[in-house]
Amino acid sequence: QVQLVESGGGLVQAGGSLRLSCAASGSIFGISLLGWYRQAPEKQRELVATITGRGTTNYADSVKGRFTISRDNAKNTMYLQMNDLKPEDTGVYYCNLDIGIKYYWGQGTQVTVSS
């Protein structure tokens, strides 16, 4: 039922910035917990940031002070502003929507940070 479409990934030099977007279908977006996850090659998928329906945010320690998660409920869109990117930020970034009984995932968007 729910569809998530990600965009904004790409190749950037260390210290640069990217803004990821996740467009979601359905009226449940505004009340859902949203998050960004990432997975580096040959590594475990990890939580990057979450944002509640009311706008409360949480971040992994590795991205605090550099990444900002936000949402625009009127547009059914979530964002991840990534600043001061580091090579260790490289990976596939996934949009996640959590309605309590199941997760919905986007297809992922590749972020590559060169040194």
C-alpha atoms as a PDB file:
ATOM      1  CA  GLN A   1       0.000   0.000   0.000  1.00  0.00           C
ATOM      2  CA  VAL A   2       2.612   2.556   1.096  1.00  0.00           C
ATOM      3  CA  GLN A   3       5.222   3.532  -1.472  1.00  0.00           C
ATOM      4  CA  LEU A   4       8.463   5.347  -0.677  1.00  0.00           C
ATOM      5  CA  VAL A   5      10.556   6.963  -3.388  1.00  0.00           C
ATOM      6  CA  GLU A   6      14.020   8.270  -2.570  1.00  0.00           C
ATOM      7  CA  SER A   7      16.158  10.736  -4.450  1.00  0.00           C
ATOM      8  CA  GLY A   8      19.173  12.979  -3.981  1.00  0.00           C
ATOM      9  CA  GLY A   9      22.025  10.524  -3.696  1.00  0.00           C
ATOM     10  CA  GLY A  10      25.215  10.909  -5.636  1.00  0.00           C
ATOM     11  CA  LEU A  11      28.953  11.385  -5.539  1.00  0.00           C
ATOM     12  CA  VAL A  12      30.439  14.143  -3.418  1.00  0.00           C
ATOM     13  CA  GLN A  13      33.862  15.044  -2.088  1.00  0.00           C
ATOM     14  CA  ALA A  14      34.648  14.908   1.608  1.00  0.00           C
ATOM     15  CA  GLY A  15      33.379  18.039   3.311  1.00  0.00           C
ATOM     16  CA  GLY A  16      30.585  18.480   0.818  1.00  0.00           C
ATOM     17  CA  SER A  17      26.824  18.265   1.238  1.00  0.00           C
ATOM     18  CA  LEU A  18      23.864  16.347  -0.117  1.00  0.00           C
ATOM     19  CA  ARG A  19      20.147  16.513   0.544  1.00  0.00           C
ATOM     20  CA  LEU A  20      18.170  13.292   0.340  1.00  0.00           C
ATOM     21  CA  SER A  21      14.415  13.238  -0.164  1.00  0.00           C
ATOM     22  CA  CYS A  22      11.839  10.533   0.463  1.00  0.00           C
ATOM     23  CA  ALA A  23       8.381  10.984  -1.012  1.00  0.00           C
ATOM     24  CA  ALA A  24       5.682   8.788   0.496  1.00  0.00           C
ATOM     25  CA  SER A  25       2.171   7.884  -0.549  1.00  0.00           C
ATOM     26  CA  GLY A  26      -0.873   7.697   1.683  1.00  0.00           C
ATOM     27  CA  SER A  27      -2.510   9.727   4.413  1.00  0.00           C
ATOM     28  CA  ILE A  28      -0.707   7.915   7.230  1.00  0.00           C
ATOM     29  CA  PHE A  29       2.515   9.805   6.550  1.00  0.00           C
ATOM     30  CA  GLY A  30       1.787  12.647   8.951  1.00  0.00           C
ATOM     31  CA  ILE A  31       1.350  10.396  11.981  1.00  0.00           C
ATOM     32  CA  SER A  32       4.090   7.895  11.215  1.00  0.00           C
ATOM     33  CA  LEU A  33       7.577   7.503  12.614  1.00  0.00           C
ATOM     34  CA  LEU A  34      10.072   8.098   9.820  1.00  0.00           C
ATOM     35  CA  GLY A  35      13.734   7.286   9.596  1.00  0.00           C
ATOM     36  CA  TRP A  36      16.821   7.059   7.475  1.00  0.00           C
ATOM     37  CA  TYR A  37      19.053   3.995   7.504  1.00  0.00           C
ATOM     38  CA  ARG A  38      22.260   3.308   5.645  1.00  0.00           C
ATOM     39  CA  GLN A  39      24.270   0.278   4.688  1.00  0.00           C
ATOM     40  CA  ALA A  40      27.884   0.301   3.611  1.00  0.00           C
ATOM     41  CA  PRO A  41      29.154  -2.485   1.341  1.00  0.00           C
ATOM     42  CA  GLU A  42      29.611  -5.735   3.237  1.00  0.00           C
ATOM     43  CA  LYS A  43      28.367  -4.119   6.447  1.00  0.00           C
ATOM     44  CA  GLN A  44      25.237  -4.186   8.596  1.00  0.00           C
ATOM     45  CA  ARG A  45      22.441  -1.715   7.975  1.00  0.00           C
ATOM     46  CA  GLU A  46      22.408   0.979  10.651  1.00  0.00           C
ATOM     47  CA  LEU A  47      19.998   3.628  11.855  1.00  0.00           C
ATOM     48  CA  VAL A  48      21.007   7.169  10.930  1.00  0.00           C
ATOM     49  CA  ALA A  49      18.155   9.338  12.198  1.00  0.00           C
ATOM     50  CA  THR A  50      14.468   9.269  13.094  1.00  0.00           C
ATOM     51  CA  ILE A  51      11.717  11.848  13.290  1.00  0.00           C
ATOM     52  CA  THR A  52       8.314  11.444  14.908  1.00  0.00           C
ATOM     53  CA  GLY A  53       5.035  12.765  13.604  1.00  0.00           C
ATOM     54  CA  ARG A  54       5.387  15.713  15.980  1.00  0.00           C
ATOM     55  CA  GLY A  55       8.916  16.487  14.832  1.00  0.00           C
ATOM     56  CA  THR A  56      11.024  14.978  17.598  1.00  0.00           C
ATOM     57  CA  THR A  57      14.376  13.889  16.173  1.00  0.00           C
ATOM     58  CA  ASN A  58      17.104  11.459  17.135  1.00  0.00           C
ATOM     59  CA  TYR A  59      20.471  10.850  15.525  1.00  0.00           C
ATOM     60  CA  ALA A  60      23.180   8.267  15.543  1.00  0.00           C
ATOM     61  CA  ASP A  61      26.254   9.566  17.337  1.00  0.00           C
ATOM     62  CA  SER A  62      28.271   9.327  14.144  1.00  0.00           C
ATOM     63  CA  VAL A  63      26.150  11.961  12.367  1.00  0.00           C
ATOM     64  CA  LYS A  64      25.191  14.336  15.178  1.00  0.00           C
ATOM     65  CA  GLY A  65      25.972  17.921  14.302  1.00  0.00           C
ATOM     66  CA  ARG A  66      26.347  17.113  10.600  1.00  0.00           C
ATOM     67  CA  PHE A  67      23.013  15.635   9.490  1.00  0.00           C
ATOM     68  CA  THR A  68      19.526  17.067   9.900  1.00  0.00           C
ATOM     69  CA  ILE A  69      16.332  15.072   9.429  1.00  0.00           C
ATOM     70  CA  SER A  70      13.098  16.903   8.685  1.00  0.00           C
ATOM     71  CA  ARG A  71       9.632  16.292   7.302  1.00  0.00           C
ATOM     72  CA  ASP A  72       7.002  18.202   5.386  1.00  0.00           C
ATOM     73  CA  ASN A  73       3.716  16.482   6.099  1.00  0.00           C
ATOM     74  CA  ALA A  74       1.824  18.626   3.597  1.00  0.00           C
ATOM     75  CA  LYS A  75       4.072  17.234   0.858  1.00  0.00           C
ATOM     76  CA  ASN A  76       4.363  13.725   2.297  1.00  0.00           C
ATOM     77  CA  THR A  77       8.117  14.125   2.096  1.00  0.00           C
ATOM     78  CA  MET A  78      11.021  13.505   4.449  1.00  0.00           C
ATOM     79  CA  TYR A  79      14.498  14.944   4.038  1.00  0.00           C
ATOM     80  CA  LEU A  80      18.007  14.282   5.226  1.00  0.00           C
ATOM     81  CA  GLN A  81      20.372  17.221   4.932  1.00  0.00           C
ATOM     82  CA  MET A  82      23.916  15.885   5.091  1.00  0.00           C
ATOM     83  CA  ASN A  83      26.746  18.346   5.669  1.00  0.00           C
ATOM     84  CA  ASP A  84      30.477  17.880   6.176  1.00  0.00           C
ATOM     85  CA  LEU A  85      30.295  14.465   4.582  1.00  0.00           C
ATOM     86  CA  LYS A  86      33.025  11.951   5.319  1.00  0.00           C
ATOM     87  CA  PRO A  87      34.142   8.853   3.406  1.00  0.00           C
ATOM     88  CA  GLU A  88      32.685   6.685   6.159  1.00  0.00           C
ATOM     89  CA  ASP A  89      29.248   8.091   5.297  1.00  0.00           C
ATOM     90  CA  THR A  90      29.377   6.164   2.025  1.00  0.00           C
ATOM     91  CA  GLY A  91      26.588   3.651   1.594  1.00  0.00           C
ATOM     92  CA  VAL A  92      23.082   3.027   0.370  1.00  0.00           C
ATOM     93  CA  TYR A  93      20.598   5.200   2.235  1.00  0.00           C
ATOM     94  CA  TYR A  94      17.101   3.871   2.829  1.00  0.00           C
ATOM     95  CA  CYS A  95      13.915   5.679   3.765  1.00  0.00           C
ATOM     96  CA  ASN A  96      11.780   3.943   6.386  1.00  0.00           C
ATOM     97  CA  LEU A  97       8.206   4.426   7.541  1.00  0.00           C
ATOM     98  CA  ASP A  98       7.077   2.688  10.720  1.00  0.00           C
ATOM     99  CA  ILE A  99       3.377   2.297  11.500  1.00  0.00           C
ATOM    100  CA  GLY A 100       3.938   0.087  14.520  1.00  0.00           C
ATOM    101  CA  ILE A 101       3.032  -3.244  12.985  1.00  0.00           C
ATOM    102  CA  LYS A 102       5.338  -3.144   9.993  1.00  0.00           C
ATOM    103  CA  TYR A 103       8.105  -1.216   8.264  1.00  0.00           C
ATOM    104  CA  TYR A 104       7.982   0.185   4.753  1.00  0.00           C
ATOM    105  CA  TRP A 105      11.217   0.726   2.843  1.00  0.00           C
ATOM    106  CA  GLY A 106      12.289   2.695  -0.160  1.00  0.00           C
ATOM    107  CA  GLN A 107      14.525   1.279  -2.854  1.00  0.00           C
ATOM    108  CA  GLY A 108      17.614   3.012  -1.509  1.00  0.00           C
ATOM    109  CA  THR A 109      19.811   5.730  -2.948  1.00  0.00           C
ATOM    110  CA  GLN A 110      23.582   5.522  -3.230  1.00  0.00           C
ATOM    111  CA  VAL A 111      25.753   8.084  -1.463  1.00  0.00           C
ATOM    112  CA  THR A 112      29.459   8.009  -2.226  1.00  0.00           C
ATOM    113  CA  VAL A 113      31.903  10.327  -0.478  1.00  0.00           C
ATOM    114  CA  SER A 114      35.388  10.539  -1.919  1.00  0.00           C
ATOM    115  CA  SER A 115      38.457  11.609   0.017  1.00  0.00           C
END
